[in-house]
Amino acid sequence: MLKKKHFLFLKQGFTFAALILLAALIASTAAASAQAAEKAAAEKLAPAVRININKADQATLEKLPGIGPVKAKAIIDGRPYRNIEDVMNIKGIKGKTFEEIKDSIVVK
């Protein structure tokens, strides 16, 4: 017959196994986050590349620094642009963001 101390041992063993499982889950999540960050960095533009904001698709616009899905869609909706400064009429694209992207965008 099992005594009370045997059940305590089983309970402690289960807790230890749960902690090991949790640690493995956290490690795999951290690794996935690091891979996603590396992929995002690789998808950014090379320094010499220029994007035509009148013709680029949303995925290409999202490669610009500071431009995510919402701003990329707003750039598309605000077309056509006569000069690159016109993109500052888009909500959220003002001084700092414009300074980050101005050397990477063109209008043709």
PDB file of N, CA and C in Angstrom:
ATOM      1  N   MET A   1       0.834  -1.174   0.000  1.00  0.00           N
ATOM      2  CA  MET A   1       0.000   0.000   0.000  1.00  0.00           C
ATOM      3  C   MET A   1       0.887   1.249   0.000  1.00  0.00           C
ATOM      4  N   LEU A   2       0.475   2.279  -0.758  1.00  0.00           N
ATOM      5  CA  LEU A   2       1.253   3.512  -0.836  1.00  0.00           C
ATOM      6  C   LEU A   2       0.988   4.390   0.373  1.00  0.00           C
ATOM      7  N   LYS A   3       2.052   4.912   0.896  1.00  0.00           N
ATOM      8  CA  LYS A   3       1.923   5.799   2.035  1.00  0.00           C
ATOM      9  C   LYS A   3       1.847   7.232   1.544  1.00  0.00           C
ATOM     10  N   LYS A   4       1.486   8.110   2.437  1.00  0.00           N
ATOM     11  CA  LYS A   4       1.331   9.524   2.115  1.00  0.00           C
ATOM     12  C   LYS A   4       2.621  10.117   1.562  1.00  0.00           C
ATOM     13  N   LYS A   5       3.786   9.709   2.079  1.00  0.00           N
ATOM     14  CA  LYS A   5       5.061  10.251   1.608  1.00  0.00           C
ATOM     15  C   LYS A   5       5.323   9.881   0.141  1.00  0.00           C
ATOM     16  N   HIS A   6       4.790   8.745  -0.331  1.00  0.00           N
ATOM     17  CA  HIS A   6       4.949   8.377  -1.736  1.00  0.00           C
ATOM     18  C   HIS A   6       4.184   9.333  -2.648  1.00  0.00           C
ATOM     19  N   PHE A   7       3.012   9.743  -2.222  1.00  0.00           N
ATOM     20  CA  PHE A   7       2.237  10.702  -3.009  1.00  0.00           C
ATOM     21  C   PHE A   7       2.937  12.053  -3.069  1.00  0.00           C
ATOM     22  N   LEU A   8       3.588  12.449  -1.992  1.00  0.00           N
ATOM     23  CA  LEU A   8       4.340  13.702  -1.971  1.00  0.00           C
ATOM     24  C   LEU A   8       5.474  13.639  -2.981  1.00  0.00           C
ATOM     25  N   PHE A   9       6.159  12.484  -3.038  1.00  0.00           N
ATOM     26  CA  PHE A   9       7.236  12.307  -4.002  1.00  0.00           C
ATOM     27  C   PHE A   9       6.700  12.439  -5.433  1.00  0.00           C
ATOM     28  N   LEU A  10       5.569  11.828  -5.718  1.00  0.00           N
ATOM     29  CA  LEU A  10       4.970  11.923  -7.047  1.00  0.00           C
ATOM     30  C   LEU A  10       4.592  13.354  -7.383  1.00  0.00           C
ATOM     31  N   LYS A  11       4.067  14.070  -6.414  1.00  0.00           N
ATOM     32  CA  LYS A  11       3.680  15.461  -6.626  1.00  0.00           C
ATOM     33  C   LYS A  11       4.911  16.308  -6.923  1.00  0.00           C
ATOM     34  N   GLN A  12       5.990  16.107  -6.189  1.00  0.00           N
ATOM     35  CA  GLN A  12       7.217  16.860  -6.422  1.00  0.00           C
ATOM     36  C   GLN A  12       7.813  16.511  -7.782  1.00  0.00           C
ATOM     37  N   GLY A  13       7.757  15.243  -8.150  1.00  0.00           N
ATOM     38  CA  GLY A  13       8.260  14.820  -9.459  1.00  0.00           C
ATOM     39  C   GLY A  13       7.480  15.464 -10.584  1.00  0.00           C
ATOM     40  N   PHE A  14       6.171  15.538 -10.422  1.00  0.00           N
ATOM     41  CA  PHE A  14       5.342  16.186 -11.430  1.00  0.00           C
ATOM     42  C   PHE A  14       5.682  17.666 -11.548  1.00  0.00           C
ATOM     43  N   THR A  15       5.883  18.340 -10.427  1.00  0.00           N
ATOM     44  CA  THR A  15       6.235  19.759 -10.429  1.00  0.00           C
ATOM     45  C   THR A  15       7.569  19.969 -11.130  1.00  0.00           C
ATOM     46  N   PHE A  16       8.535  19.132 -10.861  1.00  0.00           N
ATOM     47  CA  PHE A  16       9.840  19.231 -11.501  1.00  0.00           C
ATOM     48  C   PHE A  16       9.715  19.056 -13.016  1.00  0.00           C
ATOM     49  N   ALA A  17       8.937  18.071 -13.448  1.00  0.00           N
ATOM     50  CA  ALA A  17       8.731  17.831 -14.880  1.00  0.00           C
ATOM     51  C   ALA A  17       8.040  19.020 -15.532  1.00  0.00           C
ATOM     52  N   ALA A  18       7.092  19.610 -14.834  1.00  0.00           N
ATOM     53  CA  ALA A  18       6.399  20.780 -15.372  1.00  0.00           C
ATOM     54  C   ALA A  18       7.362  21.950 -15.528  1.00  0.00           C
ATOM     55  N   LEU A  19       8.261  22.133 -14.582  1.00  0.00           N
ATOM     56  CA  LEU A  19       9.259  23.207 -14.670  1.00  0.00           C
ATOM     57  C   LEU A  19      10.216  22.986 -15.841  1.00  0.00           C
ATOM     58  N   ILE A  20      10.618  21.753 -16.050  1.00  0.00           N
ATOM     59  CA  ILE A  20      11.497  21.426 -17.178  1.00  0.00           C
ATOM     60  C   ILE A  20      10.780  21.719 -18.495  1.00  0.00           C
ATOM     61  N   LEU A  21       9.534  21.316 -18.588  1.00  0.00           N
ATOM     62  CA  LEU A  21       8.742  21.565 -19.788  1.00  0.00           C
ATOM     63  C   LEU A  21       8.579  23.059 -20.033  1.00  0.00           C
ATOM     64  N   LEU A  22       8.309  23.816 -18.998  1.00  0.00           N
ATOM     65  CA  LEU A  22       8.166  25.268 -19.116  1.00  0.00           C
ATOM     66  C   LEU A  22       9.466  25.908 -19.579  1.00  0.00           C
ATOM     67  N   ALA A  23      10.591  25.479 -19.044  1.00  0.00           N
ATOM     68  CA  ALA A  23      11.889  26.017 -19.454  1.00  0.00           C
ATOM     69  C   ALA A  23      12.155  25.729 -20.930  1.00  0.00           C
ATOM     70  N   ALA A  24      11.818  24.533 -21.388  1.00  0.00           N
ATOM     71  CA  ALA A  24      12.005  24.181 -22.797  1.00  0.00           C
ATOM     72  C   ALA A  24      11.108  25.031 -23.693  1.00  0.00           C
ATOM     73  N   LEU A  25       9.897  25.279 -23.253  1.00  0.00           N
ATOM     74  CA  LEU A  25       8.969  26.113 -24.020  1.00  0.00           C
ATOM     75  C   LEU A  25       9.479  27.546 -24.134  1.00  0.00           C
ATOM     76  N   ILE A  26       9.979  28.091 -23.058  1.00  0.00           N
ATOM     77  CA  ILE A  26      10.520  29.451 -23.063  1.00  0.00           C
ATOM     78  C   ILE A  26      11.734  29.530 -23.981  1.00  0.00           C
ATOM     79  N   ALA A  27      12.601  28.543 -23.936  1.00  0.00           N
ATOM     80  CA  ALA A  27      13.791  28.536 -24.792  1.00  0.00           C
ATOM     81  C   ALA A  27      13.414  28.485 -26.267  1.00  0.00           C
ATOM     82  N   SER A  28      12.421  27.670 -26.615  1.00  0.00           N
ATOM     83  CA  SER A  28      12.022  27.580 -28.023  1.00  0.00           C
ATOM     84  C   SER A  28      11.348  28.865 -28.490  1.00  0.00           C
ATOM     85  N   THR A  29      10.602  29.518 -27.614  1.00  0.00           N
ATOM     86  CA  THR A  29       9.962  30.793 -27.961  1.00  0.00           C
ATOM     87  C   THR A  29      11.021  31.865 -28.195  1.00  0.00           C
ATOM     88  N   ALA A  30      12.042  31.902 -27.353  1.00  0.00           N
ATOM     89  CA  ALA A  30      13.115  32.875 -27.520  1.00  0.00           C
ATOM     90  C   ALA A  30      13.860  32.648 -28.828  1.00  0.00           C
ATOM     91  N   ALA A  31      14.093  31.403 -29.178  1.00  0.00           N
ATOM     92  CA  ALA A  31      14.782  31.086 -30.429  1.00  0.00           C
ATOM     93  C   ALA A  31      13.938  31.515 -31.624  1.00  0.00           C
ATOM     94  N   ALA A  32      12.635  31.295 -31.563  1.00  0.00           N
ATOM     95  CA  ALA A  32      11.749  31.701 -32.656  1.00  0.00           C
ATOM     96  C   ALA A  32      11.722  33.215 -32.791  1.00  0.00           C
ATOM     97  N   SER A  33      11.724  33.929 -31.682  1.00  0.00           N
ATOM     98  CA  SER A  33      11.740  35.393 -31.722  1.00  0.00           C
ATOM     99  C   SER A  33      13.027  35.908 -32.348  1.00  0.00           C
ATOM    100  N   ALA A  34      14.136  35.295 -32.010  1.00  0.00           N
ATOM    101  CA  ALA A  34      15.420  35.700 -32.582  1.00  0.00           C
ATOM    102  C   ALA A  34      15.443  35.455 -34.096  1.00  0.00           C
ATOM    103  N   GLN A  35      14.888  34.343 -34.532  1.00  0.00           N
ATOM    104  CA  GLN A  35      14.838  34.054 -35.964  1.00  0.00           C
ATOM    105  C   GLN A  35      13.949  35.057 -36.684  1.00  0.00           C
ATOM    106  N   ALA A  36      12.832  35.426 -36.085  1.00  0.00           N
ATOM    107  CA  ALA A  36      11.939  36.411 -36.699  1.00  0.00           C
ATOM    108  C   ALA A  36      12.630  37.759 -36.818  1.00  0.00           C
ATOM    109  N   ALA A  37      13.383  38.154 -35.799  1.00  0.00           N
ATOM    110  CA  ALA A  37      14.103  39.423 -35.841  1.00  0.00           C
ATOM    111  C   ALA A  37      15.172  39.409 -36.929  1.00  0.00           C
ATOM    112  N   GLU A  38      15.873  38.287 -37.077  1.00  0.00           N
ATOM    113  CA  GLU A  38      16.877  38.169 -38.129  1.00  0.00           C
ATOM    114  C   GLU A  38      16.232  38.250 -39.508  1.00  0.00           C
ATOM    115  N   LYS A  39      15.089  37.610 -39.669  1.00  0.00           N
ATOM    116  CA  LYS A  39      14.392  37.629 -40.955  1.00  0.00           C
ATOM    117  C   LYS A  39      13.933  39.045 -41.288  1.00  0.00           C
ATOM    118  N   ALA A  40      13.398  39.753 -40.307  1.00  0.00           N
ATOM    119  CA  ALA A  40      12.939  41.128 -40.529  1.00  0.00           C
ATOM    120  C   ALA A  40      14.102  42.029 -40.904  1.00  0.00           C
ATOM    121  N   ALA A  41      15.244  41.846 -40.251  1.00  0.00           N
ATOM    122  CA  ALA A  41      16.413  42.662 -40.571  1.00  0.00           C
ATOM    123  C   ALA A  41      16.907  42.366 -41.988  1.00  0.00           C
ATOM    124  N   ALA A  42      16.839  41.115 -42.402  1.00  0.00           N
ATOM    125  CA  ALA A  42      17.275  40.744 -43.737  1.00  0.00           C
ATOM    126  C   ALA A  42      16.350  41.309 -44.811  1.00  0.00           C
ATOM    127  N   GLU A  43      15.098  41.566 -44.470  1.00  0.00           N
ATOM    128  CA  GLU A  43      14.137  42.067 -45.439  1.00  0.00           C
ATOM    129  C   GLU A  43      14.212  43.580 -45.620  1.00  0.00           C
ATOM    130  N   LYS A  44      15.000  44.263 -44.817  1.00  0.00           N
ATOM    131  CA  LYS A  44      15.148  45.704 -44.968  1.00  0.00           C
ATOM    132  C   LYS A  44      15.935  45.995 -46.236  1.00  0.00           C
ATOM    133  N   LEU A  45      15.878  47.242 -46.655  1.00  0.00           N
ATOM    134  CA  LEU A  45      16.521  47.651 -47.900  1.00  0.00           C
ATOM    135  C   LEU A  45      18.023  47.778 -47.773  1.00  0.00           C
ATOM    136  N   ALA A  46      18.700  47.514 -48.871  1.00  0.00           N
ATOM    137  CA  ALA A  46      20.126  47.816 -48.955  1.00  0.00           C
ATOM    138  C   ALA A  46      20.253  49.339 -49.070  1.00  0.00           C
ATOM    139  N   PRO A  47      21.353  49.911 -48.623  1.00  0.00           N
ATOM    140  CA  PRO A  47      21.490  51.374 -48.609  1.00  0.00           C
ATOM    141  C   PRO A  47      21.291  52.065 -49.962  1.00  0.00           C
ATOM    142  N   ALA A  48      21.683  51.458 -51.058  1.00  0.00           N
ATOM    143  CA  ALA A  48      21.590  52.111 -52.359  1.00  0.00           C
ATOM    144  C   ALA A  48      20.244  51.929 -53.054  1.00  0.00           C
ATOM    145  N   VAL A  49      19.353  51.139 -52.499  1.00  0.00           N
ATOM    146  CA  VAL A  49      18.069  50.850 -53.135  1.00  0.00           C
ATOM    147  C   VAL A  49      17.106  52.012 -52.925  1.00  0.00           C
ATOM    148  N   ARG A  50      16.396  52.375 -53.983  1.00  0.00           N
ATOM    149  CA  ARG A  50      15.383  53.437 -53.929  1.00  0.00           C
ATOM    150  C   ARG A  50      14.040  52.833 -54.324  1.00  0.00           C
ATOM    151  N   ILE A  51      13.000  53.181 -53.587  1.00  0.00           N
ATOM    152  CA  ILE A  51      11.656  52.670 -53.844  1.00  0.00           C
ATOM    153  C   ILE A  51      10.803  53.798 -54.417  1.00  0.00           C
ATOM    154  N   ASN A  52      10.123  53.499 -55.524  1.00  0.00           N
ATOM    155  CA  ASN A  52       9.194  54.460 -56.105  1.00  0.00           C
ATOM    156  C   ASN A  52       7.881  54.354 -55.334  1.00  0.00           C
ATOM    157  N   ILE A  53       7.574  55.384 -54.552  1.00  0.00           N
ATOM    158  CA  ILE A  53       6.378  55.329 -53.709  1.00  0.00           C
ATOM    159  C   ILE A  53       5.089  55.430 -54.504  1.00  0.00           C
ATOM    160  N   ASN A  54       5.162  55.777 -55.767  1.00  0.00           N
ATOM    161  CA  ASN A  54       3.968  55.800 -56.613  1.00  0.00           C
ATOM    162  C   ASN A  54       3.651  54.433 -57.217  1.00  0.00           C
ATOM    163  N   LYS A  55       4.604  53.503 -57.185  1.00  0.00           N
ATOM    164  CA  LYS A  55       4.400  52.216 -57.850  1.00  0.00           C
ATOM    165  C   LYS A  55       4.631  51.001 -56.947  1.00  0.00           C
ATOM    166  N   ALA A  56       5.300  51.153 -55.839  1.00  0.00           N
ATOM    167  CA  ALA A  56       5.672  50.011 -54.999  1.00  0.00           C
ATOM    168  C   ALA A  56       4.451  49.371 -54.347  1.00  0.00           C
ATOM    169  N   ASP A  57       4.524  48.059 -54.178  1.00  0.00           N
ATOM    170  CA  ASP A  57       3.445  47.368 -53.484  1.00  0.00           C
ATOM    171  C   ASP A  57       3.640  47.494 -51.965  1.00  0.00           C
ATOM    172  N   GLN A  58       2.662  47.039 -51.209  1.00  0.00           N
ATOM    173  CA  GLN A  58       2.680  47.201 -49.759  1.00  0.00           C
ATOM    174  C   GLN A  58       3.885  46.510 -49.118  1.00  0.00           C
ATOM    175  N   ALA A  59       4.188  45.300 -49.546  1.00  0.00           N
ATOM    176  CA  ALA A  59       5.316  44.559 -48.961  1.00  0.00           C
ATOM    177  C   ALA A  59       6.632  45.301 -49.169  1.00  0.00           C
ATOM    178  N   THR A  60       6.798  45.901 -50.328  1.00  0.00           N
ATOM    179  CA  THR A  60       8.023  46.654 -50.606  1.00  0.00           C
ATOM    180  C   THR A  60       8.089  47.908 -49.752  1.00  0.00           C
ATOM    181  N   LEU A  61       6.975  48.615 -49.615  1.00  0.00           N
ATOM    182  CA  LEU A  61       6.955  49.819 -48.783  1.00  0.00           C
ATOM    183  C   LEU A  61       7.261  49.503 -47.323  1.00  0.00           C
ATOM    184  N   GLU A  62       6.850  48.334 -46.862  1.00  0.00           N
ATOM    185  CA  GLU A  62       7.094  47.943 -45.475  1.00  0.00           C
ATOM    186  C   GLU A  62       8.573  47.698 -45.191  1.00  0.00           C
ATOM    187  N   LYS A  63       9.387  47.593 -46.209  1.00  0.00           N
ATOM    188  CA  LYS A  63      10.824  47.444 -46.015  1.00  0.00           C
ATOM    189  C   LYS A  63      11.490  48.757 -45.636  1.00  0.00           C
ATOM    190  N   LEU A  64      10.792  49.858 -45.830  1.00  0.00           N
ATOM    191  CA  LEU A  64      11.333  51.161 -45.439  1.00  0.00           C
ATOM    192  C   LEU A  64      11.376  51.259 -43.921  1.00  0.00           C
ATOM    193  N   PRO A  65      12.400  51.910 -43.363  1.00  0.00           N
ATOM    194  CA  PRO A  65      12.474  52.036 -41.896  1.00  0.00           C
ATOM    195  C   PRO A  65      11.300  52.835 -41.350  1.00  0.00           C
ATOM    196  N   GLY A  66      10.683  52.319 -40.311  1.00  0.00           N
ATOM    197  CA  GLY A  66       9.571  53.019 -39.670  1.00  0.00           C
ATOM    198  C   GLY A  66       8.233  52.872 -40.378  1.00  0.00           C
ATOM    199  N   ILE A  67       8.194  52.089 -41.437  1.00  0.00           N
ATOM    200  CA  ILE A  67       6.953  51.904 -42.199  1.00  0.00           C
ATOM    201  C   ILE A  67       6.450  50.481 -41.981  1.00  0.00           C
ATOM    202  N   GLY A  68       5.289  50.380 -41.353  1.00  0.00           N
ATOM    203  CA  GLY A  68       4.647  49.089 -41.138  1.00  0.00           C
ATOM    204  C   GLY A  68       3.458  48.952 -42.066  1.00  0.00           C
ATOM    205  N   PRO A  69       2.620  47.966 -41.835  1.00  0.00           N
ATOM    206  CA  PRO A  69       1.480  47.708 -42.715  1.00  0.00           C
ATOM    207  C   PRO A  69       0.503  48.890 -42.823  1.00  0.00           C
ATOM    208  N   VAL A  70       0.230  49.559 -41.719  1.00  0.00           N
ATOM    209  CA  VAL A  70      -0.749  50.658 -41.734  1.00  0.00           C
ATOM    210  C   VAL A  70      -0.222  51.845 -42.531  1.00  0.00           C
ATOM    211  N   LYS A  71       1.021  52.242 -42.287  1.00  0.00           N
ATOM    212  CA  LYS A  71       1.595  53.376 -43.023  1.00  0.00           C
ATOM    213  C   LYS A  71       1.800  53.032 -44.494  1.00  0.00           C
ATOM    214  N   ALA A  72       2.187  51.790 -44.777  1.00  0.00           N
ATOM    215  CA  ALA A  72       2.358  51.381 -46.178  1.00  0.00           C
ATOM    216  C   ALA A  72       1.034  51.491 -46.926  1.00  0.00           C
ATOM    217  N   LYS A  73      -0.048  51.028 -46.293  1.00  0.00           N
ATOM    218  CA  LYS A  73      -1.374  51.131 -46.916  1.00  0.00           C
ATOM    219  C   LYS A  73      -1.764  52.590 -47.117  1.00  0.00           C
ATOM    220  N   ALA A  74      -1.438  53.436 -46.138  1.00  0.00           N
ATOM    221  CA  ALA A  74      -1.755  54.863 -46.252  1.00  0.00           C
ATOM    222  C   ALA A  74      -0.959  55.512 -47.386  1.00  0.00           C
ATOM    223  N   ILE A  75       0.280  55.101 -47.575  1.00  0.00           N
ATOM    224  CA  ILE A  75       1.083  55.625 -48.693  1.00  0.00           C
ATOM    225  C   ILE A  75       0.431  55.242 -50.012  1.00  0.00           C
ATOM    226  N   ILE A  76       0.002  54.005 -50.124  1.00  0.00           N
ATOM    227  CA  ILE A  76      -0.661  53.547 -51.351  1.00  0.00           C
ATOM    228  C   ILE A  76      -1.946  54.334 -51.587  1.00  0.00           C
ATOM    229  N   ASP A  77      -2.733  54.537 -50.532  1.00  0.00           N
ATOM    230  CA  ASP A  77      -3.994  55.267 -50.665  1.00  0.00           C
ATOM    231  C   ASP A  77      -3.793  56.745 -50.991  1.00  0.00           C
ATOM    232  N   GLY A  78      -2.624  57.296 -50.664  1.00  0.00           N
ATOM    233  CA  GLY A  78      -2.358  58.723 -50.902  1.00  0.00           C
ATOM    234  C   GLY A  78      -1.769  59.036 -52.263  1.00  0.00           C
ATOM    235  N   ARG A  79      -1.610  58.046 -53.108  1.00  0.00           N
ATOM    236  CA  ARG A  79      -1.025  58.264 -54.434  1.00  0.00           C
ATOM    237  C   ARG A  79      -1.924  59.101 -55.315  1.00  0.00           C
ATOM    238  N   PRO A  80      -1.378  59.800 -56.270  1.00  0.00           N
ATOM    239  CA  PRO A  80       0.023  59.915 -56.675  1.00  0.00           C
ATOM    240  C   PRO A  80       0.744  61.027 -55.907  1.00  0.00           C
ATOM    241  N   TYR A  81       2.061  60.939 -55.889  1.00  0.00           N
ATOM    242  CA  TYR A  81       2.909  61.936 -55.257  1.00  0.00           C
ATOM    243  C   TYR A  81       3.722  62.647 -56.335  1.00  0.00           C
ATOM    244  N   ARG A  82       3.838  63.960 -56.226  1.00  0.00           N
ATOM    245  CA  ARG A  82       4.648  64.722 -57.188  1.00  0.00           C
ATOM    246  C   ARG A  82       6.114  64.767 -56.765  1.00  0.00           C
ATOM    247  N   ASN A  83       6.345  64.838 -55.453  1.00  0.00           N
ATOM    248  CA  ASN A  83       7.715  64.839 -54.941  1.00  0.00           C
ATOM    249  C   ASN A  83       7.731  64.041 -53.637  1.00  0.00           C
ATOM    250  N   ILE A  84       8.907  63.706 -53.171  1.00  0.00           N
ATOM    251  CA  ILE A  84       8.997  62.836 -52.004  1.00  0.00           C
ATOM    252  C   ILE A  84       8.458  63.501 -50.738  1.00  0.00           C
ATOM    253  N   GLU A  85       8.498  64.813 -50.683  1.00  0.00           N
ATOM    254  CA  GLU A  85       7.994  65.521 -49.504  1.00  0.00           C
ATOM    255  C   GLU A  85       6.487  65.354 -49.337  1.00  0.00           C
ATOM    256  N   ASP A  86       5.779  65.068 -50.428  1.00  0.00           N
ATOM    257  CA  ASP A  86       4.328  64.873 -50.350  1.00  0.00           C
ATOM    258  C   ASP A  86       3.940  63.715 -49.442  1.00  0.00           C
ATOM    259  N   VAL A  87       4.845  62.766 -49.235  1.00  0.00           N
ATOM    260  CA  VAL A  87       4.544  61.627 -48.372  1.00  0.00           C
ATOM    261  C   VAL A  87       4.361  62.080 -46.923  1.00  0.00           C
ATOM    262  N   MET A  88       4.830  63.271 -46.579  1.00  0.00           N
ATOM    263  CA  MET A  88       4.646  63.783 -45.217  1.00  0.00           C
ATOM    264  C   MET A  88       3.193  64.167 -44.946  1.00  0.00           C
ATOM    265  N   ASN A  89       2.346  64.162 -45.958  1.00  0.00           N
ATOM    266  CA  ASN A  89       0.920  64.395 -45.753  1.00  0.00           C
ATOM    267  C   ASN A  89       0.231  63.169 -45.148  1.00  0.00           C
ATOM    268  N   ILE A  90       0.929  62.047 -45.109  1.00  0.00           N
ATOM    269  CA  ILE A  90       0.404  60.822 -44.520  1.00  0.00           C
ATOM    270  C   ILE A  90       0.541  60.910 -43.006  1.00  0.00           C
ATOM    271  N   LYS A  91      -0.531  60.554 -42.289  1.00  0.00           N
ATOM    272  CA  LYS A  91      -0.505  60.570 -40.833  1.00  0.00           C
ATOM    273  C   LYS A  91       0.600  59.643 -40.327  1.00  0.00           C
ATOM    274  N   GLY A  92       1.447  60.167 -39.464  1.00  0.00           N
ATOM    275  CA  GLY A  92       2.518  59.375 -38.875  1.00  0.00           C
ATOM    276  C   GLY A  92       3.835  59.444 -39.628  1.00  0.00           C
ATOM    277  N   ILE A  93       3.841  60.099 -40.773  1.00  0.00           N
ATOM    278  CA  ILE A  93       5.093  60.267 -41.518  1.00  0.00           C
ATOM    279  C   ILE A  93       5.427  61.757 -41.511  1.00  0.00           C
ATOM    280  N   LYS A  94       6.159  62.127 -40.502  1.00  0.00           N
ATOM    281  CA  LYS A  94       6.569  63.532 -40.361  1.00  0.00           C
ATOM    282  C   LYS A  94       8.087  63.579 -40.244  1.00  0.00           C
ATOM    283  N   GLY A  95       8.601  64.459 -39.459  1.00  0.00           N
ATOM    284  CA  GLY A  95      10.032  64.718 -39.342  1.00  0.00           C
ATOM    285  C   GLY A  95      10.935  63.507 -39.245  1.00  0.00           C
ATOM    286  N   LYS A  96      10.869  62.772 -38.133  1.00  0.00           N
ATOM    287  CA  LYS A  96      11.800  61.668 -37.901  1.00  0.00           C
ATOM    288  C   LYS A  96      11.632  60.555 -38.932  1.00  0.00           C
ATOM    289  N   THR A  97      10.405  60.140 -39.169  1.00  0.00           N
ATOM    290  CA  THR A  97      10.174  59.056 -40.131  1.00  0.00           C
ATOM    291  C   THR A  97      10.593  59.482 -41.528  1.00  0.00           C
ATOM    292  N   PHE A  98      10.251  60.708 -41.902  1.00  0.00           N
ATOM    293  CA  PHE A  98      10.637  61.190 -43.235  1.00  0.00           C
ATOM    294  C   PHE A  98      12.159  61.229 -43.367  1.00  0.00           C
ATOM    295  N   GLU A  99      12.842  61.686 -42.337  1.00  0.00           N
ATOM    296  CA  GLU A  99      14.312  61.722 -42.380  1.00  0.00           C
ATOM    297  C   GLU A  99      14.891  60.323 -42.583  1.00  0.00           C
ATOM    298  N   GLU A 100      14.251  59.317 -41.987  1.00  0.00           N
ATOM    299  CA  GLU A 100      14.727  57.933 -42.120  1.00  0.00           C
ATOM    300  C   GLU A 100      14.522  57.377 -43.519  1.00  0.00           C
ATOM    301  N   ILE A 101      13.451  57.813 -44.198  1.00  0.00           N
ATOM    302  CA  ILE A 101      13.121  57.199 -45.504  1.00  0.00           C
ATOM    303  C   ILE A 101      13.474  58.054 -46.710  1.00  0.00           C
ATOM    304  N   LYS A 102      13.753  59.338 -46.517  1.00  0.00           N
ATOM    305  CA  LYS A 102      13.883  60.237 -47.663  1.00  0.00           C
ATOM    306  C   LYS A 102      14.967  59.830 -48.668  1.00  0.00           C
ATOM    307  N   ASP A 103      16.040  59.205 -48.195  1.00  0.00           N
ATOM    308  CA  ASP A 103      17.091  58.778 -49.105  1.00  0.00           C
ATOM    309  C   ASP A 103      16.784  57.433 -49.771  1.00  0.00           C
ATOM    310  N   SER A 104      15.683  56.814 -49.379  1.00  0.00           N
ATOM    311  CA  SER A 104      15.319  55.507 -49.934  1.00  0.00           C
ATOM    312  C   SER A 104      14.098  55.561 -50.824  1.00  0.00           C
ATOM    313  N   ILE A 105      13.508  56.746 -51.008  1.00  0.00           N
ATOM    314  CA  ILE A 105      12.297  56.836 -51.824  1.00  0.00           C
ATOM    315  C   ILE A 105      12.481  57.789 -52.992  1.00  0.00           C
ATOM    316  N   VAL A 106      11.740  57.524 -54.043  1.00  0.00           N
ATOM    317  CA  VAL A 106      11.707  58.381 -55.233  1.00  0.00           C
ATOM    318  C   VAL A 106      10.272  58.431 -55.739  1.00  0.00           C
ATOM    319  N   VAL A 107      10.012  59.424 -56.597  1.00  0.00           N
ATOM    320  CA  VAL A 107       8.751  59.480 -57.356  1.00  0.00           C
ATOM    321  C   VAL A 107       9.143  59.656 -58.816  1.00  0.00           C
ATOM    322  N   LYS A 108       8.537  58.884 -59.685  1.00  0.00           N
ATOM    323  CA  LYS A 108       8.870  58.966 -61.116  1.00  0.00           C
ATOM    324  C   LYS A 108       7.623  59.044 -61.925  1.00  0.00           C
TER     325      LYS A 108
END
